């Protein structure tokens, strides 16, 4: 046996014979999947629209390039969402996408309480932002803002005081 150095599969095929060379033929690499970039979806006024939901609240949201003004049900966000934590929730998609103060938001919200409404507006802003700038979808999705938070209040069951609480037990 002669000592030959084998550097790749072609050399191995030459060293082993034609029968093995056919079995060890180089395999073509599969084509890299190219993700088509989604299309920008805007209306005639240059706005992107989306619907956001959280608990019992439903928000219809329109965004367009602007100075960062947010109107909720015709009122400024500072008036409608008086608690600073709720305003922080609404601003999260812009902070993650590094677009703070670049878009004006007009939202109408119905149902639920203030916390659910803030979550619905956040969900709607995230959806609308990805429709206006499809390149931001990965960033916003990684933060988890495109997924609808399906948690809701558990219903009360019969024979119970509340959803899970039982009435006080009496031994006698």
C-alpha atoms as a PDB file:
ATOM      1  CA  UNK A   1       0.000   0.000   0.000  1.00  0.00           C
ATOM      2  CA  UNK A   2       1.385   3.394  -0.945  1.00  0.00           C
ATOM      3  CA  UNK A   3       1.054   6.348   1.358  1.00  0.00           C
ATOM      4  CA  UNK A   4      -1.078   9.060  -0.226  1.00  0.00           C
ATOM      5  CA  UNK A   5      -2.473  12.129   1.461  1.00  0.00           C
ATOM      6  CA  UNK A   6      -6.183  12.597   1.029  1.00  0.00           C
ATOM      7  CA  UNK A   7      -7.327  16.224   1.237  1.00  0.00           C
ATOM      8  CA  UNK A   8     -10.912  16.034  -0.019  1.00  0.00           C
ATOM      9  CA  UNK A   9     -13.554  13.584  -1.231  1.00  0.00           C
ATOM     10  CA  UNK A  10     -12.281  13.664  -4.814  1.00  0.00           C
ATOM     11  CA  UNK A  11      -8.841  12.441  -3.675  1.00  0.00           C
ATOM     12  CA  UNK A  12     -10.525   9.742  -1.590  1.00  0.00           C
ATOM     13  CA  UNK A  13     -12.478   8.612  -4.650  1.00  0.00           C
ATOM     14  CA  UNK A  14      -9.314   8.436  -6.733  1.00  0.00           C
ATOM     15  CA  UNK A  15      -7.513   6.459  -4.026  1.00  0.00           C
ATOM     16  CA  UNK A  16     -10.361   3.989  -3.437  1.00  0.00           C
ATOM     17  CA  UNK A  17     -11.463   3.371  -6.991  1.00  0.00           C
ATOM     18  CA  UNK A  18     -14.268   4.347  -9.342  1.00  0.00           C
ATOM     19  CA  UNK A  19     -16.976   2.351  -7.524  1.00  0.00           C
ATOM     20  CA  UNK A  20     -16.497   4.278  -4.316  1.00  0.00           C
ATOM     21  CA  UNK A  21     -16.054   7.575  -6.168  1.00  0.00           C
ATOM     22  CA  UNK A  22     -19.580   7.318  -7.560  1.00  0.00           C
ATOM     23  CA  UNK A  23     -20.981   6.710  -4.069  1.00  0.00           C
ATOM     24  CA  UNK A  24     -19.031   9.624  -2.593  1.00  0.00           C
ATOM     25  CA  UNK A  25     -19.841  12.130  -5.335  1.00  0.00           C
ATOM     26  CA  UNK A  26     -20.005  15.711  -4.113  1.00  0.00           C
ATOM     27  CA  UNK A  27     -23.516  16.747  -3.135  1.00  0.00           C
ATOM     28  CA  UNK A  28     -24.808  20.077  -4.359  1.00  0.00           C
ATOM     29  CA  UNK A  29     -25.536  22.493  -1.526  1.00  0.00           C
ATOM     30  CA  UNK A  30     -29.221  23.317  -1.154  1.00  0.00           C
ATOM     31  CA  UNK A  31     -30.218  26.794  -2.229  1.00  0.00           C
ATOM     32  CA  UNK A  32     -30.318  29.236   0.659  1.00  0.00           C
ATOM     33  CA  UNK A  33     -33.914  30.132   1.475  1.00  0.00           C
ATOM     34  CA  UNK A  34     -34.455  33.783   0.796  1.00  0.00           C
ATOM     35  CA  UNK A  35     -37.190  35.345   2.843  1.00  0.00           C
ATOM     36  CA  UNK A  36     -39.121  37.750   0.656  1.00  0.00           C
ATOM     37  CA  UNK A  37     -39.366  41.127   2.312  1.00  0.00           C
ATOM     38  CA  UNK A  38     -42.988  41.919   3.085  1.00  0.00           C
ATOM     39  CA  UNK A  39     -44.642  44.766   1.233  1.00  0.00           C
ATOM     40  CA  UNK A  40     -45.283  48.135   2.805  1.00  0.00           C
ATOM     41  CA  UNK A  41     -49.030  48.445   3.475  1.00  0.00           C
ATOM     42  CA  UNK A  42     -50.258  52.048   3.633  1.00  0.00           C
ATOM     43  CA  UNK A  43     -53.502  53.810   2.712  1.00  0.00           C
ATOM     44  CA  UNK A  44     -54.120  56.856   0.493  1.00  0.00           C
ATOM     45  CA  UNK A  45     -53.290  59.263   3.351  1.00  0.00           C
ATOM     46  CA  UNK A  46     -49.876  57.611   3.919  1.00  0.00           C
ATOM     47  CA  UNK A  47     -50.919  55.839   7.136  1.00  0.00           C
ATOM     48  CA  UNK A  48     -50.479  52.245   8.242  1.00  0.00           C
ATOM     49  CA  UNK A  49     -53.468  50.642  10.002  1.00  0.00           C
ATOM     50  CA  UNK A  50     -53.617  47.729  12.431  1.00  0.00           C
ATOM     51  CA  UNK A  51     -55.892  46.287  15.090  1.00  0.00           C
ATOM     52  CA  UNK A  52     -54.568  45.478  18.553  1.00  0.00           C
ATOM     53  CA  UNK A  53     -56.256  43.340  21.193  1.00  0.00           C
ATOM     54  CA  UNK A  54     -55.701  42.661  24.898  1.00  0.00           C
ATOM     55  CA  UNK A  55     -58.168  41.181  27.407  1.00  0.00           C
ATOM     56  CA  UNK A  56     -61.540  42.689  26.406  1.00  0.00           C
ATOM     57  CA  UNK A  57     -60.034  45.810  24.797  1.00  0.00           C
ATOM     58  CA  UNK A  58     -59.829  46.344  21.031  1.00  0.00           C
ATOM     59  CA  UNK A  59     -57.740  49.183  19.577  1.00  0.00           C
ATOM     60  CA  UNK A  60     -57.802  50.492  16.017  1.00  0.00           C
ATOM     61  CA  UNK A  61     -54.444  52.178  15.363  1.00  0.00           C
ATOM     62  CA  UNK A  62     -53.193  54.389  12.516  1.00  0.00           C
ATOM     63  CA  UNK A  63     -49.558  55.563  12.367  1.00  0.00           C
ATOM     64  CA  UNK A  64     -47.867  58.014  10.019  1.00  0.00           C
ATOM     65  CA  UNK A  65     -44.525  59.833  10.039  1.00  0.00           C
ATOM     66  CA  UNK A  66     -44.640  62.832  12.337  1.00  0.00           C
ATOM     67  CA  UNK A  67     -43.448  64.361  15.588  1.00  0.00           C
ATOM     68  CA  UNK A  68     -44.409  61.573  17.999  1.00  0.00           C
ATOM     69  CA  UNK A  69     -47.883  62.811  19.012  1.00  0.00           C
ATOM     70  CA  UNK A  70     -50.205  60.090  20.324  1.00  0.00           C
ATOM     71  CA  UNK A  71     -53.988  60.599  20.343  1.00  0.00           C
ATOM     72  CA  UNK A  72     -56.221  58.019  22.022  1.00  0.00           C
ATOM     73  CA  UNK A  73     -59.984  58.433  21.530  1.00  0.00           C
ATOM     74  CA  UNK A  74     -59.428  62.068  20.521  1.00  0.00           C
ATOM     75  CA  UNK A  75     -57.424  62.916  23.650  1.00  0.00           C
ATOM     76  CA  UNK A  76     -53.685  63.197  24.231  1.00  0.00           C
ATOM     77  CA  UNK A  77     -52.045  60.116  25.734  1.00  0.00           C
ATOM     78  CA  UNK A  78     -51.069  62.090  28.876  1.00  0.00           C
ATOM     79  CA  UNK A  79     -54.755  62.815  29.535  1.00  0.00           C
ATOM     80  CA  UNK A  80     -56.217  59.434  28.543  1.00  0.00           C
ATOM     81  CA  UNK A  81     -53.542  57.259  30.190  1.00  0.00           C
ATOM     82  CA  UNK A  82     -52.797  59.278  33.321  1.00  0.00           C
ATOM     83  CA  UNK A  83     -50.550  56.622  34.880  1.00  0.00           C
ATOM     84  CA  UNK A  84     -46.932  56.873  33.643  1.00  0.00           C
ATOM     85  CA  UNK A  85     -46.620  53.066  33.476  1.00  0.00           C
ATOM     86  CA  UNK A  86     -49.401  52.888  30.896  1.00  0.00           C
ATOM     87  CA  UNK A  87     -47.659  55.526  28.761  1.00  0.00           C
ATOM     88  CA  UNK A  88     -44.437  53.497  29.010  1.00  0.00           C
ATOM     89  CA  UNK A  89     -46.313  50.429  27.740  1.00  0.00           C
ATOM     90  CA  UNK A  90     -47.505  52.368  24.693  1.00  0.00           C
ATOM     91  CA  UNK A  91     -44.004  53.684  23.895  1.00  0.00           C
ATOM     92  CA  UNK A  92     -42.305  50.258  24.095  1.00  0.00           C
ATOM     93  CA  UNK A  93     -42.591  49.352  20.368  1.00  0.00           C
ATOM     94  CA  UNK A  94     -40.987  52.657  19.364  1.00  0.00           C
ATOM     95  CA  UNK A  95     -38.191  52.247  21.917  1.00  0.00           C
ATOM     96  CA  UNK A  96     -37.371  48.711  20.745  1.00  0.00           C
ATOM     97  CA  UNK A  97     -37.422  49.749  17.074  1.00  0.00           C
ATOM     98  CA  UNK A  98     -35.401  52.917  17.840  1.00  0.00           C
ATOM     99  CA  UNK A  99     -38.122  55.109  16.296  1.00  0.00           C
ATOM    100  CA  UNK A 100     -39.133  57.223  19.314  1.00  0.00           C
ATOM    101  CA  UNK A 101     -40.723  60.530  18.302  1.00  0.00           C
ATOM    102  CA  UNK A 102     -40.798  59.702  14.583  1.00  0.00           C
ATOM    103  CA  UNK A 103     -44.441  58.618  14.179  1.00  0.00           C
ATOM    104  CA  UNK A 104     -47.804  60.161  15.008  1.00  0.00           C
ATOM    105  CA  UNK A 105     -50.369  57.714  16.378  1.00  0.00           C
ATOM    106  CA  UNK A 106     -54.142  57.979  16.252  1.00  0.00           C
ATOM    107  CA  UNK A 107     -55.985  55.222  18.136  1.00  0.00           C
ATOM    108  CA  UNK A 108     -59.564  54.441  19.052  1.00  0.00           C
ATOM    109  CA  UNK A 109     -60.039  51.964  21.884  1.00  0.00           C
ATOM    110  CA  UNK A 110     -63.164  50.203  23.132  1.00  0.00           C
ATOM    111  CA  UNK A 111     -63.799  47.715  25.918  1.00  0.00           C
ATOM    112  CA  UNK A 112     -61.864  46.583  28.951  1.00  0.00           C
ATOM    113  CA  UNK A 113     -60.055  48.723  31.485  1.00  0.00           C
ATOM    114  CA  UNK A 114     -57.161  51.129  31.127  1.00  0.00           C
ATOM    115  CA  UNK A 115     -54.466  48.448  31.462  1.00  0.00           C
ATOM    116  CA  UNK A 116     -56.044  46.263  28.798  1.00  0.00           C
ATOM    117  CA  UNK A 117     -56.548  49.271  26.558  1.00  0.00           C
ATOM    118  CA  UNK A 118     -52.885  50.254  26.878  1.00  0.00           C
ATOM    119  CA  UNK A 119     -51.877  46.705  25.954  1.00  0.00           C
ATOM    120  CA  UNK A 120     -54.237  46.770  22.976  1.00  0.00           C
ATOM    121  CA  UNK A 121     -52.767  50.065  21.736  1.00  0.00           C
ATOM    122  CA  UNK A 122     -49.251  48.644  22.148  1.00  0.00           C
ATOM    123  CA  UNK A 123     -50.211  45.571  20.107  1.00  0.00           C
ATOM    124  CA  UNK A 124     -51.794  47.753  17.429  1.00  0.00           C
ATOM    125  CA  UNK A 125     -48.776  50.090  17.235  1.00  0.00           C
ATOM    126  CA  UNK A 126     -46.464  47.093  16.858  1.00  0.00           C
ATOM    127  CA  UNK A 127     -48.566  45.640  14.031  1.00  0.00           C
ATOM    128  CA  UNK A 128     -48.873  48.998  12.254  1.00  0.00           C
ATOM    129  CA  UNK A 129     -45.141  49.685  12.614  1.00  0.00           C
ATOM    130  CA  UNK A 130     -44.289  46.420  10.875  1.00  0.00           C
ATOM    131  CA  UNK A 131     -46.716  47.285   8.072  1.00  0.00           C
ATOM    132  CA  UNK A 132     -45.171  50.722   7.612  1.00  0.00           C
ATOM    133  CA  UNK A 133     -41.561  49.488   7.876  1.00  0.00           C
ATOM    134  CA  UNK A 134     -41.418  45.727   7.124  1.00  0.00           C
ATOM    135  CA  UNK A 135     -37.694  45.650   7.967  1.00  0.00           C
ATOM    136  CA  UNK A 136     -38.552  46.248  11.647  1.00  0.00           C
ATOM    137  CA  UNK A 137     -40.616  43.063  11.900  1.00  0.00           C
ATOM    138  CA  UNK A 138     -37.743  40.950  13.260  1.00  0.00           C
ATOM    139  CA  UNK A 139     -36.893  43.425  16.016  1.00  0.00           C
ATOM    140  CA  UNK A 140     -40.488  43.924  17.127  1.00  0.00           C
ATOM    141  CA  UNK A 141     -41.268  40.202  16.914  1.00  0.00           C
ATOM    142  CA  UNK A 142     -38.183  39.293  18.972  1.00  0.00           C
ATOM    143  CA  UNK A 143     -39.449  41.608  21.708  1.00  0.00           C
ATOM    144  CA  UNK A 144     -42.753  39.688  21.665  1.00  0.00           C
ATOM    145  CA  UNK A 145     -44.972  42.641  20.742  1.00  0.00           C
ATOM    146  CA  UNK A 146     -46.610  41.042  17.681  1.00  0.00           C
ATOM    147  CA  UNK A 147     -48.082  38.150  19.659  1.00  0.00           C
ATOM    148  CA  UNK A 148     -51.541  38.806  21.054  1.00  0.00           C
ATOM    149  CA  UNK A 149     -51.496  38.318  24.824  1.00  0.00           C
ATOM    150  CA  UNK A 150     -54.377  35.859  25.185  1.00  0.00           C
ATOM    151  CA  UNK A 151     -54.568  35.909  28.986  1.00  0.00           C
ATOM    152  CA  UNK A 152     -58.018  36.852  30.212  1.00  0.00           C
ATOM    153  CA  UNK A 153     -59.987  36.736  33.461  1.00  0.00           C
ATOM    154  CA  UNK A 154     -61.005  33.210  34.437  1.00  0.00           C
ATOM    155  CA  UNK A 155     -64.769  32.723  34.597  1.00  0.00           C
ATOM    156  CA  UNK A 156     -66.658  32.037  37.800  1.00  0.00           C
ATOM    157  CA  UNK A 157     -67.790  28.419  38.250  1.00  0.00           C
ATOM    158  CA  UNK A 158     -71.053  27.339  39.839  1.00  0.00           C
ATOM    159  CA  UNK A 159     -70.716  26.075  43.407  1.00  0.00           C
ATOM    160  CA  UNK A 160     -67.754  28.414  43.988  1.00  0.00           C
ATOM    161  CA  UNK A 161     -67.549  31.877  45.505  1.00  0.00           C
ATOM    162  CA  UNK A 162     -65.296  33.129  42.718  1.00  0.00           C
ATOM    163  CA  UNK A 163     -63.370  31.420  39.907  1.00  0.00           C
ATOM    164  CA  UNK A 164     -61.514  29.121  42.310  1.00  0.00           C
ATOM    165  CA  UNK A 165     -62.373  30.264  45.841  1.00  0.00           C
ATOM    166  CA  UNK A 166     -64.718  27.935  47.733  1.00  0.00           C
ATOM    167  CA  UNK A 167     -67.239  28.830  50.376  1.00  0.00           C
ATOM    168  CA  UNK A 168     -66.153  28.398  54.007  1.00  0.00           C
ATOM    169  CA  UNK A 169     -66.309  24.762  55.084  1.00  0.00           C
ATOM    170  CA  UNK A 170     -68.502  23.937  58.072  1.00  0.00           C
ATOM    171  CA  UNK A 171     -67.904  20.612  59.775  1.00  0.00           C
ATOM    172  CA  UNK A 172     -71.189  20.789  61.747  1.00  0.00           C
END
